[in-house]
């Protein structure tokens, strides 16, 4: 992320910032939002769902107001294989 200007990462350290204001001013980015349940207000969620200028990877538990459907909800699954942890993304529900 630090070397790629096309990616914007937001996480719990950004909880005091106006997330909607930040993403309203950008274009052509992949926006990764971790801890979305903490960071996103209902108004910001609605803005994201209608934003056609950026792509979003939203990590959280609550898809409220994101116009999410079963086809675009996934969960991260971890499995211990020997001494390694293997992560896969599987359809949610």
PDB file of N, CA and C in Angstrom:
ATOM      1  N   UNK A   1       0.820  -1.184   0.000  1.00  0.00           N
ATOM      2  CA  UNK A   1       0.000   0.000   0.000  1.00  0.00           C
ATOM      3  C   UNK A   1       0.866   1.250   0.000  1.00  0.00           C
ATOM      4  N   UNK A   2       1.967   1.227   0.740  1.00  0.00           N
ATOM      5  CA  UNK A   2       2.800   2.417   0.839  1.00  0.00           C
ATOM      6  C   UNK A   2       3.451   2.777  -0.492  1.00  0.00           C
ATOM      7  N   UNK A   3       3.675   1.790  -1.345  1.00  0.00           N
ATOM      8  CA  UNK A   3       4.341   2.049  -2.618  1.00  0.00           C
ATOM      9  C   UNK A   3       3.361   2.117  -3.780  1.00  0.00           C
ATOM     10  N   UNK A   4       2.095   1.906  -3.554  1.00  0.00           N
ATOM     11  CA  UNK A   4       1.115   1.930  -4.628  1.00  0.00           C
ATOM     12  C   UNK A   4       0.115   3.061  -4.382  1.00  0.00           C
ATOM     13  N   UNK A   5       0.218   4.142  -5.129  1.00  0.00           N
ATOM     14  CA  UNK A   5      -0.671   5.287  -4.900  1.00  0.00           C
ATOM     15  C   UNK A   5      -2.118   5.042  -5.331  1.00  0.00           C
ATOM     16  N   UNK A   6      -2.384   3.906  -5.971  1.00  0.00           N
ATOM     17  CA  UNK A   6      -3.757   3.604  -6.405  1.00  0.00           C
ATOM     18  C   UNK A   6      -4.563   2.911  -5.309  1.00  0.00           C
ATOM     19  N   UNK A   7      -3.935   2.636  -4.166  1.00  0.00           N
ATOM     20  CA  UNK A   7      -4.620   1.960  -3.064  1.00  0.00           C
ATOM     21  C   UNK A   7      -4.692   2.896  -1.861  1.00  0.00           C
ATOM     22  N   UNK A   8      -5.876   3.004  -1.286  1.00  0.00           N
ATOM     23  CA  UNK A   8      -6.083   3.779  -0.063  1.00  0.00           C
ATOM     24  C   UNK A   8      -6.569   2.821   1.009  1.00  0.00           C
ATOM     25  N   UNK A   9      -5.856   2.745   2.115  1.00  0.00           N
ATOM     26  CA  UNK A   9      -6.249   1.861   3.220  1.00  0.00           C
ATOM     27  C   UNK A   9      -6.729   2.690   4.398  1.00  0.00           C
ATOM     28  N   UNK A  10      -7.854   2.286   4.945  1.00  0.00           N
ATOM     29  CA  UNK A  10      -8.421   2.927   6.134  1.00  0.00           C
ATOM     30  C   UNK A  10      -8.677   1.842   7.169  1.00  0.00           C
ATOM     31  N   UNK A  11      -8.353   2.135   8.419  1.00  0.00           N
ATOM     32  CA  UNK A  11      -8.601   1.160   9.477  1.00  0.00           C
ATOM     33  C   UNK A  11      -8.955   1.862  10.775  1.00  0.00           C
ATOM     34  N   UNK A  12      -8.913   1.133  11.875  1.00  0.00           N
ATOM     35  CA  UNK A  12      -9.379   1.684  13.147  1.00  0.00           C
ATOM     36  C   UNK A  12      -8.589   2.900  13.609  1.00  0.00           C
ATOM     37  N   UNK A  13      -7.387   3.123  13.081  1.00  0.00           N
ATOM     38  CA  UNK A  13      -6.633   4.323  13.434  1.00  0.00           C
ATOM     39  C   UNK A  13      -7.254   5.582  12.833  1.00  0.00           C
ATOM     40  N   UNK A  14      -8.145   5.410  11.876  1.00  0.00           N
ATOM     41  CA  UNK A  14      -8.785   6.531  11.193  1.00  0.00           C
ATOM     42  C   UNK A  14     -10.173   6.847  11.748  1.00  0.00           C
ATOM     43  N   UNK A  15     -10.508   6.317  12.920  1.00  0.00           N
ATOM     44  CA  UNK A  15     -11.868   6.439  13.428  1.00  0.00           C
ATOM     45  C   UNK A  15     -12.291   7.873  13.716  1.00  0.00           C
ATOM     46  N   UNK A  16     -11.362   8.784  13.921  1.00  0.00           N
ATOM     47  CA  UNK A  16     -11.726  10.168  14.198  1.00  0.00           C
ATOM     48  C   UNK A  16     -11.784  11.017  12.929  1.00  0.00           C
ATOM     49  N   UNK A  17     -11.479  10.434  11.785  1.00  0.00           N
ATOM     50  CA  UNK A  17     -11.492  11.171  10.527  1.00  0.00           C
ATOM     51  C   UNK A  17     -12.868  11.072   9.874  1.00  0.00           C
ATOM     52  N   UNK A  18     -13.155  12.012   8.995  1.00  0.00           N
ATOM     53  CA  UNK A  18     -14.399  11.994   8.231  1.00  0.00           C
ATOM     54  C   UNK A  18     -14.174  11.131   6.996  1.00  0.00           C
ATOM     55  N   UNK A  19     -14.521   9.856   7.094  1.00  0.00           N
ATOM     56  CA  UNK A  19     -14.260   8.888   6.031  1.00  0.00           C
ATOM     57  C   UNK A  19     -14.986   9.289   4.749  1.00  0.00           C
ATOM     58  N   UNK A  20     -16.214   9.746   4.874  1.00  0.00           N
ATOM     59  CA  UNK A  20     -16.965  10.146   3.680  1.00  0.00           C
ATOM     60  C   UNK A  20     -16.260  11.293   2.961  1.00  0.00           C
ATOM     61  N   UNK A  21     -15.749  12.242   3.691  1.00  0.00           N
ATOM     62  CA  UNK A  21     -15.028  13.369   3.091  1.00  0.00           C
ATOM     63  C   UNK A  21     -13.771  12.885   2.368  1.00  0.00           C
ATOM     64  N   UNK A  22     -13.066  11.943   2.968  1.00  0.00           N
ATOM     65  CA  UNK A  22     -11.846  11.406   2.356  1.00  0.00           C
ATOM     66  C   UNK A  22     -12.167  10.719   1.037  1.00  0.00           C
ATOM     67  N   UNK A  23     -13.148   9.830   1.047  1.00  0.00           N
ATOM     68  CA  UNK A  23     -13.422   9.067  -0.179  1.00  0.00           C
ATOM     69  C   UNK A  23     -14.175   9.893  -1.224  1.00  0.00           C
ATOM     70  N   UNK A  24     -14.775  10.988  -0.826  1.00  0.00           N
ATOM     71  CA  UNK A  24     -15.444  11.866  -1.785  1.00  0.00           C
ATOM     72  C   UNK A  24     -14.440  12.611  -2.658  1.00  0.00           C
ATOM     73  N   UNK A  25     -13.217  12.724  -2.188  1.00  0.00           N
ATOM     74  CA  UNK A  25     -12.203  13.507  -2.889  1.00  0.00           C
ATOM     75  C   UNK A  25     -11.257  12.664  -3.736  1.00  0.00           C
ATOM     76  N   UNK A  26     -11.462  11.359  -3.793  1.00  0.00           N
ATOM     77  CA  UNK A  26     -10.546  10.506  -4.541  1.00  0.00           C
ATOM     78  C   UNK A  26     -11.247   9.890  -5.747  1.00  0.00           C
ATOM     79  N   UNK A  27     -10.440   9.400  -6.676  1.00  0.00           N
ATOM     80  CA  UNK A  27     -10.985   8.794  -7.884  1.00  0.00           C
ATOM     81  C   UNK A  27      -9.982   7.772  -8.412  1.00  0.00           C
ATOM     82  N   UNK A  28     -10.509   6.643  -8.875  1.00  0.00           N
ATOM     83  CA  UNK A  28      -9.658   5.625  -9.487  1.00  0.00           C
ATOM     84  C   UNK A  28      -8.814   4.835  -8.516  1.00  0.00           C
ATOM     85  N   UNK A  29      -9.291   4.662  -7.302  1.00  0.00           N
ATOM     86  CA  UNK A  29      -8.520   3.943  -6.283  1.00  0.00           C
ATOM     87  C   UNK A  29      -9.233   2.673  -5.837  1.00  0.00           C
ATOM     88  N   UNK A  30      -8.441   1.763  -5.310  1.00  0.00           N
ATOM     89  CA  UNK A  30      -8.969   0.633  -4.562  1.00  0.00           C
ATOM     90  C   UNK A  30      -8.943   1.073  -3.103  1.00  0.00           C
ATOM     91  N   UNK A  31     -10.105   1.164  -2.491  1.00  0.00           N
ATOM     92  CA  UNK A  31     -10.214   1.608  -1.105  1.00  0.00           C
ATOM     93  C   UNK A  31     -10.442   0.377  -0.242  1.00  0.00           C
ATOM     94  N   UNK A  32      -9.491   0.105   0.637  1.00  0.00           N
ATOM     95  CA  UNK A  32      -9.582  -1.033   1.550  1.00  0.00           C
ATOM     96  C   UNK A  32      -9.963  -0.481   2.921  1.00  0.00           C
ATOM     97  N   UNK A  33     -11.102  -0.940   3.434  1.00  0.00           N
ATOM     98  CA  UNK A  33     -11.586  -0.452   4.727  1.00  0.00           C
ATOM     99  C   UNK A  33     -11.669  -1.622   5.690  1.00  0.00           C
ATOM    100  N   UNK A  34     -10.766  -1.629   6.659  1.00  0.00           N
ATOM    101  CA  UNK A  34     -10.780  -2.641   7.711  1.00  0.00           C
ATOM    102  C   UNK A  34     -11.523  -2.049   8.913  1.00  0.00           C
ATOM    103  N   UNK A  35     -12.151  -2.884   9.688  1.00  0.00           N
ATOM    104  CA  UNK A  35     -12.963  -2.447  10.829  1.00  0.00           C
ATOM    105  C   UNK A  35     -14.096  -1.532  10.365  1.00  0.00           C
ATOM    106  N   UNK A  36     -14.731  -1.909   9.274  1.00  0.00           N
ATOM    107  CA  UNK A  36     -15.796  -1.099   8.687  1.00  0.00           C
ATOM    108  C   UNK A  36     -16.947  -0.882   9.657  1.00  0.00           C
ATOM    109  N   UNK A  37     -17.188  -1.816  10.534  1.00  0.00           N
ATOM    110  CA  UNK A  37     -18.286  -1.663  11.495  1.00  0.00           C
ATOM    111  C   UNK A  37     -18.068  -0.456  12.389  1.00  0.00           C
ATOM    112  N   UNK A  38     -16.821  -0.105  12.643  1.00  0.00           N
ATOM    113  CA  UNK A  38     -16.479   1.047  13.486  1.00  0.00           C
ATOM    114  C   UNK A  38     -16.416   2.326  12.652  1.00  0.00           C
ATOM    115  N   UNK A  39     -15.863   2.232  11.456  1.00  0.00           N
ATOM    116  CA  UNK A  39     -15.553   3.421  10.664  1.00  0.00           C
ATOM    117  C   UNK A  39     -16.710   3.987   9.860  1.00  0.00           C
ATOM    118  N   UNK A  40     -17.636   3.155   9.420  1.00  0.00           N
ATOM    119  CA  UNK A  40     -18.634   3.606   8.458  1.00  0.00           C
ATOM    120  C   UNK A  40     -19.972   3.952   9.098  1.00  0.00           C
ATOM    121  N   UNK A  41     -20.400   5.174   8.867  1.00  0.00           N
ATOM    122  CA  UNK A  41     -21.739   5.583   9.282  1.00  0.00           C
ATOM    123  C   UNK A  41     -22.721   5.148   8.196  1.00  0.00           C
ATOM    124  N   UNK A  42     -24.005   5.213   8.481  1.00  0.00           N
ATOM    125  CA  UNK A  42     -25.008   4.868   7.475  1.00  0.00           C
ATOM    126  C   UNK A  42     -24.876   5.759   6.239  1.00  0.00           C
ATOM    127  N   UNK A  43     -24.613   7.034   6.450  1.00  0.00           N
ATOM    128  CA  UNK A  43     -24.471   7.964   5.336  1.00  0.00           C
ATOM    129  C   UNK A  43     -23.253   7.616   4.474  1.00  0.00           C
ATOM    130  N   UNK A  44     -22.159   7.260   5.102  1.00  0.00           N
ATOM    131  CA  UNK A  44     -20.956   6.876   4.368  1.00  0.00           C
ATOM    132  C   UNK A  44     -21.188   5.585   3.605  1.00  0.00           C
ATOM    133  N   UNK A  45     -21.892   4.641   4.194  1.00  0.00           N
ATOM    134  CA  UNK A  45     -22.210   3.381   3.515  1.00  0.00           C
ATOM    135  C   UNK A  45     -23.032   3.632   2.253  1.00  0.00           C
ATOM    136  N   UNK A  46     -23.994   4.535   2.340  1.00  0.00           N
ATOM    137  CA  UNK A  46     -24.810   4.863   1.170  1.00  0.00           C
ATOM    138  C   UNK A  46     -23.961   5.508   0.082  1.00  0.00           C
ATOM    139  N   UNK A  47     -23.038   6.387   0.486  1.00  0.00           N
ATOM    140  CA  UNK A  47     -22.143   7.017  -0.486  1.00  0.00           C
ATOM    141  C   UNK A  47     -21.296   5.962  -1.206  1.00  0.00           C
ATOM    142  N   UNK A  48     -20.742   5.031  -0.459  1.00  0.00           N
ATOM    143  CA  UNK A  48     -19.916   3.971  -1.041  1.00  0.00           C
ATOM    144  C   UNK A  48     -20.725   3.138  -2.026  1.00  0.00           C
ATOM    145  N   UNK A  49     -21.944   2.806  -1.662  1.00  0.00           N
ATOM    146  CA  UNK A  49     -22.745   1.938  -2.521  1.00  0.00           C
ATOM    147  C   UNK A  49     -23.072   2.588  -3.862  1.00  0.00           C
ATOM    148  N   UNK A  50     -23.027   3.904  -3.940  1.00  0.00           N
ATOM    149  CA  UNK A  50     -23.324   4.620  -5.182  1.00  0.00           C
ATOM    150  C   UNK A  50     -22.076   5.173  -5.871  1.00  0.00           C
ATOM    151  N   UNK A  51     -20.904   4.973  -5.283  1.00  0.00           N
ATOM    152  CA  UNK A  51     -19.655   5.506  -5.832  1.00  0.00           C
ATOM    153  C   UNK A  51     -19.203   4.675  -7.031  1.00  0.00           C
ATOM    154  N   UNK A  52     -19.201   5.295  -8.206  1.00  0.00           N
ATOM    155  CA  UNK A  52     -18.759   4.589  -9.402  1.00  0.00           C
ATOM    156  C   UNK A  52     -17.347   4.998  -9.827  1.00  0.00           C
ATOM    157  N   UNK A  53     -16.643   5.739  -8.962  1.00  0.00           N
ATOM    158  CA  UNK A  53     -15.298   6.212  -9.283  1.00  0.00           C
ATOM    159  C   UNK A  53     -14.198   5.393  -8.621  1.00  0.00           C
ATOM    160  N   UNK A  54     -14.554   4.542  -7.677  1.00  0.00           N
ATOM    161  CA  UNK A  54     -13.579   3.760  -6.927  1.00  0.00           C
ATOM    162  C   UNK A  54     -14.087   2.333  -6.738  1.00  0.00           C
ATOM    163  N   UNK A  55     -13.165   1.438  -6.390  1.00  0.00           N
ATOM    164  CA  UNK A  55     -13.499   0.063  -6.024  1.00  0.00           C
ATOM    165  C   UNK A  55     -13.270  -0.070  -4.522  1.00  0.00           C
ATOM    166  N   UNK A  56     -14.052  -0.924  -3.869  1.00  0.00           N
ATOM    167  CA  UNK A  56     -13.964  -1.055  -2.418  1.00  0.00           C
ATOM    168  C   UNK A  56     -13.787  -2.507  -2.004  1.00  0.00           C
ATOM    169  N   UNK A  57     -12.923  -2.704  -1.024  1.00  0.00           N
ATOM    170  CA  UNK A  57     -12.794  -3.962  -0.308  1.00  0.00           C
ATOM    171  C   UNK A  57     -13.114  -3.621   1.139  1.00  0.00           C
ATOM    172  N   UNK A  58     -14.277  -4.064   1.599  1.00  0.00           N
ATOM    173  CA  UNK A  58     -14.765  -3.682   2.920  1.00  0.00           C
ATOM    174  C   UNK A  58     -14.705  -4.890   3.832  1.00  0.00           C
ATOM    175  N   UNK A  59     -13.963  -4.747   4.915  1.00  0.00           N
ATOM    176  CA  UNK A  59     -13.789  -5.830   5.875  1.00  0.00           C
ATOM    177  C   UNK A  59     -14.590  -5.472   7.127  1.00  0.00           C
ATOM    178  N   UNK A  60     -15.637  -6.238   7.358  1.00  0.00           N
ATOM    179  CA  UNK A  60     -16.497  -5.972   8.504  1.00  0.00           C
ATOM    180  C   UNK A  60     -17.556  -7.041   8.614  1.00  0.00           C
ATOM    181  N   UNK A  61     -18.434  -6.880   9.571  1.00  0.00           N
ATOM    182  CA  UNK A  61     -19.470  -7.880   9.811  1.00  0.00           C
ATOM    183  C   UNK A  61     -20.857  -7.408   9.411  1.00  0.00           C
ATOM    184  N   UNK A  62     -21.016  -6.112   9.198  1.00  0.00           N
ATOM    185  CA  UNK A  62     -22.345  -5.561   8.973  1.00  0.00           C
ATOM    186  C   UNK A  62     -22.449  -4.963   7.572  1.00  0.00           C
ATOM    187  N   UNK A  63     -23.145  -5.629   6.635  1.00  0.00           N
ATOM    188  CA  UNK A  63     -23.283  -5.103   5.282  1.00  0.00           C
ATOM    189  C   UNK A  63     -24.433  -4.095   5.114  1.00  0.00           C
ATOM    190  N   UNK A  64     -24.989  -3.611   6.213  1.00  0.00           N
ATOM    191  CA  UNK A  64     -26.131  -2.695   6.173  1.00  0.00           C
ATOM    192  C   UNK A  64     -25.846  -1.480   5.277  1.00  0.00           C
ATOM    193  N   UNK A  65     -26.825  -1.122   4.450  1.00  0.00           N
ATOM    194  CA  UNK A  65     -26.789   0.043   3.564  1.00  0.00           C
ATOM    195  C   UNK A  65     -25.683   0.010   2.519  1.00  0.00           C
ATOM    196  N   UNK A  66     -25.164  -1.160   2.190  1.00  0.00           N
ATOM    197  CA  UNK A  66     -24.160  -1.279   1.139  1.00  0.00           C
ATOM    198  C   UNK A  66     -24.741  -1.913  -0.121  1.00  0.00           C
ATOM    199  N   UNK A  67     -26.034  -2.114  -0.156  1.00  0.00           N
ATOM    200  CA  UNK A  67     -26.711  -2.757  -1.278  1.00  0.00           C
ATOM    201  C   UNK A  67     -26.031  -4.079  -1.630  1.00  0.00           C
ATOM    202  N   UNK A  68     -25.591  -4.795  -0.611  1.00  0.00           N
ATOM    203  CA  UNK A  68     -24.895  -6.067  -0.817  1.00  0.00           C
ATOM    204  C   UNK A  68     -25.898  -7.172  -1.125  1.00  0.00           C
ATOM    205  N   UNK A  69     -25.488  -8.063  -2.011  1.00  0.00           N
ATOM    206  CA  UNK A  69     -26.292  -9.238  -2.329  1.00  0.00           C
ATOM    207  C   UNK A  69     -25.470 -10.478  -2.010  1.00  0.00           C
ATOM    208  N   UNK A  70     -26.099 -11.610  -2.059  1.00  0.00           N
ATOM    209  CA  UNK A  70     -25.400 -12.859  -1.759  1.00  0.00           C
ATOM    210  C   UNK A  70     -24.229 -13.085  -2.718  1.00  0.00           C
ATOM    211  N   UNK A  71     -24.342 -12.583  -3.936  1.00  0.00           N
ATOM    212  CA  UNK A  71     -23.294 -12.774  -4.934  1.00  0.00           C
ATOM    213  C   UNK A  71     -22.030 -11.979  -4.643  1.00  0.00           C
ATOM    214  N   UNK A  72     -22.103 -10.924  -3.815  1.00  0.00           N
ATOM    215  CA  UNK A  72     -20.903 -10.151  -3.545  1.00  0.00           C
ATOM    216  C   UNK A  72     -20.523 -10.094  -2.068  1.00  0.00           C
ATOM    217  N   UNK A  73     -20.968 -11.082  -1.309  1.00  0.00           N
ATOM    218  CA  UNK A  73     -20.552 -11.220   0.086  1.00  0.00           C
ATOM    219  C   UNK A  73     -19.690 -12.471   0.229  1.00  0.00           C
ATOM    220  N   UNK A  74     -18.527 -12.314   0.827  1.00  0.00           N
ATOM    221  CA  UNK A  74     -17.598 -13.423   1.024  1.00  0.00           C
ATOM    222  C   UNK A  74     -17.079 -13.404   2.448  1.00  0.00           C
ATOM    223  N   UNK A  75     -16.570 -14.540   2.890  1.00  0.00           N
ATOM    224  CA  UNK A  75     -15.947 -14.606   4.202  1.00  0.00           C
ATOM    225  C   UNK A  75     -14.550 -15.174   4.064  1.00  0.00           C
ATOM    226  N   UNK A  76     -13.662 -14.707   4.932  1.00  0.00           N
ATOM    227  CA  UNK A  76     -12.293 -15.185   4.970  1.00  0.00           C
ATOM    228  C   UNK A  76     -12.246 -16.370   5.921  1.00  0.00           C
ATOM    229  N   UNK A  77     -11.788 -17.509   5.415  1.00  0.00           N
ATOM    230  CA  UNK A  77     -11.731 -18.742   6.199  1.00  0.00           C
ATOM    231  C   UNK A  77     -10.268 -19.107   6.390  1.00  0.00           C
ATOM    232  N   UNK A  78      -9.901 -19.427   7.622  1.00  0.00           N
ATOM    233  CA  UNK A  78      -8.515 -19.829   7.886  1.00  0.00           C
ATOM    234  C   UNK A  78      -8.472 -21.294   8.287  1.00  0.00           C
ATOM    235  N   UNK A  79      -7.396 -21.951   7.888  1.00  0.00           N
ATOM    236  CA  UNK A  79      -7.212 -23.363   8.195  1.00  0.00           C
ATOM    237  C   UNK A  79      -5.736 -23.595   8.507  1.00  0.00           C
ATOM    238  N   UNK A  80      -5.471 -24.300   9.580  1.00  0.00           N
ATOM    239  CA  UNK A  80      -4.106 -24.623   9.969  1.00  0.00           C
ATOM    240  C   UNK A  80      -3.668 -25.845   9.183  1.00  0.00           C
ATOM    241  N   UNK A  81      -2.604 -25.701   8.396  1.00  0.00           N
ATOM    242  CA  UNK A  81      -2.037 -26.797   7.613  1.00  0.00           C
ATOM    243  C   UNK A  81      -0.584 -26.936   8.041  1.00  0.00           C
ATOM    244  N   UNK A  82      -0.340 -27.929   8.870  1.00  0.00           N
ATOM    245  CA  UNK A  82       1.015 -28.069   9.421  1.00  0.00           C
ATOM    246  C   UNK A  82       1.329 -26.869  10.280  1.00  0.00           C
ATOM    247  N   UNK A  83       2.417 -26.187   9.948  1.00  0.00           N
ATOM    248  CA  UNK A  83       2.807 -24.997  10.708  1.00  0.00           C
ATOM    249  C   UNK A  83       2.328 -23.702  10.051  1.00  0.00           C
ATOM    250  N   UNK A  84       1.620 -23.824   8.959  1.00  0.00           N
ATOM    251  CA  UNK A  84       1.142 -22.646   8.250  1.00  0.00           C
ATOM    252  C   UNK A  84      -0.365 -22.479   8.419  1.00  0.00           C
ATOM    253  N   UNK A  85      -0.798 -21.241   8.308  1.00  0.00           N
ATOM    254  CA  UNK A  85      -2.221 -20.942   8.268  1.00  0.00           C
ATOM    255  C   UNK A  85      -2.563 -20.573   6.834  1.00  0.00           C
ATOM    256  N   UNK A  86      -3.522 -21.275   6.264  1.00  0.00           N
ATOM    257  CA  UNK A  86      -3.954 -21.037   4.890  1.00  0.00           C
ATOM    258  C   UNK A  86      -5.273 -20.295   4.926  1.00  0.00           C
ATOM    259  N   UNK A  87      -5.346 -19.196   4.167  1.00  0.00           N
ATOM    260  CA  UNK A  87      -6.555 -18.392   4.098  1.00  0.00           C
ATOM    261  C   UNK A  87      -7.214 -18.587   2.744  1.00  0.00           C
ATOM    262  N   UNK A  88      -8.520 -18.744   2.755  1.00  0.00           N
ATOM    263  CA  UNK A  88      -9.296 -18.821   1.521  1.00  0.00           C
ATOM    264  C   UNK A  88     -10.513 -17.896   1.654  1.00  0.00           C
ATOM    265  N   UNK A  89     -11.018 -17.481   0.531  1.00  0.00           N
ATOM    266  CA  UNK A  89     -12.230 -16.670   0.500  1.00  0.00           C
ATOM    267  C   UNK A  89     -13.349 -17.531  -0.048  1.00  0.00           C
ATOM    268  N   UNK A  90     -14.426 -17.630   0.713  1.00  0.00           N
ATOM    269  CA  UNK A  90     -15.547 -18.475   0.323  1.00  0.00           C
ATOM    270  C   UNK A  90     -16.833 -17.663   0.307  1.00  0.00           C
ATOM    271  N   UNK A  91     -17.784 -18.069  -0.501  1.00  0.00           N
ATOM    272  CA  UNK A  91     -19.075 -17.362  -0.504  1.00  0.00           C
ATOM    273  C   UNK A  91     -19.686 -17.353   0.897  1.00  0.00           C
ATOM    274  N   UNK A  92     -20.279 -16.235   1.243  1.00  0.00           N
ATOM    275  CA  UNK A  92     -20.913 -16.071   2.541  1.00  0.00           C
ATOM    276  C   UNK A  92     -22.355 -16.549   2.443  1.00  0.00           C
ATOM    277  N   UNK A  93     -22.798 -17.340   3.393  1.00  0.00           N
ATOM    278  CA  UNK A  93     -24.156 -17.888   3.480  1.00  0.00           C
ATOM    279  C   UNK A  93     -24.303 -19.122   2.675  1.00  0.00           C
TER     280      UNK A  93
END
